[in-house]
Amino acid sequence: MVGNKEYEVLIVSWGSTYYIVKEALENLKDNRVSFLHFKQVYPLPSETE
């Protein structure tokens, strides 16, 4: 996860969107927004809550 663990907004993405979303969050500079990225969505990693 990228960003603050005490988020108000969580952006979830997968696949090739990682760098695009990460760059957008860096430009946004809002610590209320965090980003969770999955390299694959099936099967989800067992540690996913």
N, C-alpha and C. Protein backbone atom coordinates (compact mmCIF):
# COMPACT_ATOMS: atom_id res chain seq x y z
N MET A 1 0.84 -1.17 0.00
CA MET A 1 0.00 0.00 0.00
C MET A 1 0.89 1.23 0.00
N VAL A 2 0.49 2.23 -0.75
CA VAL A 2 1.18 3.51 -0.84
C VAL A 2 0.33 4.54 -0.11
N GLY A 3 0.93 5.27 0.80
CA GLY A 3 0.20 6.33 1.49
C GLY A 3 -0.07 6.01 2.95
N ASN A 4 -0.87 6.84 3.54
CA ASN A 4 -1.20 6.80 4.95
C ASN A 4 -2.14 5.64 5.26
N LYS A 5 -1.85 4.87 6.31
CA LYS A 5 -2.75 3.77 6.70
C LYS A 5 -4.03 4.28 7.33
N GLU A 6 -4.07 5.54 7.71
CA GLU A 6 -5.27 6.17 8.26
C GLU A 6 -5.93 7.01 7.16
N TYR A 7 -6.27 6.39 6.05
CA TYR A 7 -6.82 7.08 4.88
C TYR A 7 -8.30 7.35 5.03
N GLU A 8 -8.78 8.32 4.26
CA GLU A 8 -10.22 8.57 4.11
C GLU A 8 -10.71 8.00 2.79
N VAL A 9 -9.82 8.00 1.79
CA VAL A 9 -10.13 7.48 0.46
C VAL A 9 -9.06 6.46 0.10
N LEU A 10 -9.48 5.30 -0.36
CA LEU A 10 -8.54 4.27 -0.80
C LEU A 10 -8.80 3.98 -2.27
N ILE A 11 -7.78 4.14 -3.08
CA ILE A 11 -7.85 3.80 -4.50
C ILE A 11 -7.29 2.40 -4.66
N VAL A 12 -8.06 1.52 -5.28
CA VAL A 12 -7.63 0.14 -5.50
C VAL A 12 -7.46 -0.06 -7.00
N SER A 13 -6.31 -0.61 -7.38
CA SER A 13 -6.07 -0.85 -8.81
C SER A 13 -5.32 -2.16 -8.99
N TRP A 14 -5.20 -2.58 -10.24
CA TRP A 14 -4.46 -3.79 -10.57
C TRP A 14 -3.90 -3.64 -11.97
N GLY A 15 -2.98 -4.53 -12.29
CA GLY A 15 -2.42 -4.54 -13.63
C GLY A 15 -1.46 -3.39 -13.89
N SER A 16 -1.55 -2.81 -15.06
CA SER A 16 -0.57 -1.82 -15.52
C SER A 16 -0.83 -0.40 -15.04
N THR A 17 -1.78 -0.20 -14.15
CA THR A 17 -2.12 1.16 -13.72
C THR A 17 -1.27 1.67 -12.56
N TYR A 18 -0.38 0.85 -12.02
CA TYR A 18 0.38 1.21 -10.81
C TYR A 18 1.06 2.57 -10.93
N TYR A 19 1.92 2.75 -11.91
CA TYR A 19 2.71 3.97 -12.01
C TYR A 19 1.86 5.20 -12.32
N ILE A 20 0.80 5.03 -13.05
CA ILE A 20 -0.10 6.15 -13.37
C ILE A 20 -0.78 6.65 -12.10
N VAL A 21 -1.33 5.73 -11.31
CA VAL A 21 -2.02 6.12 -10.08
C VAL A 21 -1.02 6.67 -9.06
N LYS A 22 0.15 6.04 -8.95
CA LYS A 22 1.18 6.50 -8.00
C LYS A 22 1.61 7.92 -8.33
N GLU A 23 1.84 8.21 -9.60
CA GLU A 23 2.22 9.56 -10.01
C GLU A 23 1.11 10.57 -9.71
N ALA A 24 -0.12 10.20 -9.97
CA ALA A 24 -1.25 11.10 -9.69
C ALA A 24 -1.33 11.41 -8.20
N LEU A 25 -1.12 10.43 -7.34
CA LEU A 25 -1.15 10.66 -5.90
C LEU A 25 0.01 11.54 -5.45
N GLU A 26 1.18 11.36 -6.05
CA GLU A 26 2.31 12.21 -5.71
C GLU A 26 2.02 13.66 -6.08
N ASN A 27 1.37 13.88 -7.20
CA ASN A 27 1.00 15.23 -7.62
C ASN A 27 -0.11 15.80 -6.75
N LEU A 28 -1.01 14.96 -6.28
CA LEU A 28 -2.13 15.39 -5.45
C LEU A 28 -1.67 15.87 -4.07
N LYS A 29 -0.70 15.18 -3.50
CA LYS A 29 -0.13 15.55 -2.19
C LYS A 29 -1.21 15.69 -1.12
N ASP A 30 -2.08 14.70 -1.03
CA ASP A 30 -3.15 14.70 -0.04
C ASP A 30 -3.02 13.42 0.80
N ASN A 31 -2.64 13.57 2.07
CA ASN A 31 -2.39 12.39 2.89
C ASN A 31 -3.67 11.66 3.31
N ARG A 32 -4.83 12.15 2.90
CA ARG A 32 -6.08 11.45 3.19
C ARG A 32 -6.36 10.35 2.16
N VAL A 33 -5.59 10.34 1.06
CA VAL A 33 -5.81 9.38 -0.02
C VAL A 33 -4.65 8.39 -0.04
N SER A 34 -4.97 7.10 -0.05
CA SER A 34 -3.98 6.04 -0.14
C SER A 34 -4.29 5.16 -1.34
N PHE A 35 -3.36 4.26 -1.64
CA PHE A 35 -3.41 3.50 -2.87
C PHE A 35 -3.01 2.06 -2.60
N LEU A 36 -3.87 1.14 -2.97
CA LEU A 36 -3.61 -0.29 -2.84
C LEU A 36 -3.59 -0.90 -4.23
N HIS A 37 -2.51 -1.58 -4.56
CA HIS A 37 -2.35 -2.14 -5.91
C HIS A 37 -2.14 -3.65 -5.82
N PHE A 38 -2.84 -4.38 -6.67
CA PHE A 38 -2.66 -5.82 -6.78
C PHE A 38 -1.98 -6.13 -8.10
N LYS A 39 -0.93 -6.94 -8.05
CA LYS A 39 -0.28 -7.37 -9.29
C LYS A 39 -1.18 -8.32 -10.06
N GLN A 40 -1.92 -9.12 -9.32
CA GLN A 40 -2.91 -10.00 -9.94
C GLN A 40 -4.15 -10.00 -9.06
N VAL A 41 -5.31 -10.22 -9.66
CA VAL A 41 -6.54 -10.18 -8.88
C VAL A 41 -7.16 -11.56 -8.67
N TYR A 42 -6.66 -12.55 -9.35
CA TYR A 42 -7.16 -13.89 -9.12
C TYR A 42 -6.03 -14.88 -9.15
N PRO A 43 -5.83 -15.59 -8.11
CA PRO A 43 -6.48 -15.43 -6.81
C PRO A 43 -5.88 -14.25 -6.06
N LEU A 44 -6.68 -13.62 -5.21
CA LEU A 44 -6.16 -12.54 -4.37
C LEU A 44 -5.14 -13.12 -3.39
N PRO A 45 -4.12 -12.35 -3.06
CA PRO A 45 -3.15 -12.83 -2.07
C PRO A 45 -3.85 -13.19 -0.75
N SER A 46 -3.41 -14.24 -0.10
CA SER A 46 -4.07 -14.72 1.12
C SER A 46 -4.04 -13.71 2.25
N GLU A 47 -3.07 -12.78 2.26
CA GLU A 47 -2.99 -11.79 3.33
C GLU A 47 -3.93 -10.59 3.11
N THR A 48 -4.71 -10.60 2.04
CA THR A 48 -5.65 -9.51 1.76
C THR A 48 -6.79 -9.55 2.78
N GLU A 49 -7.03 -8.40 3.40
CA GLU A 49 -8.12 -8.31 4.40
C GLU A 49 -9.31 -7.61 3.81
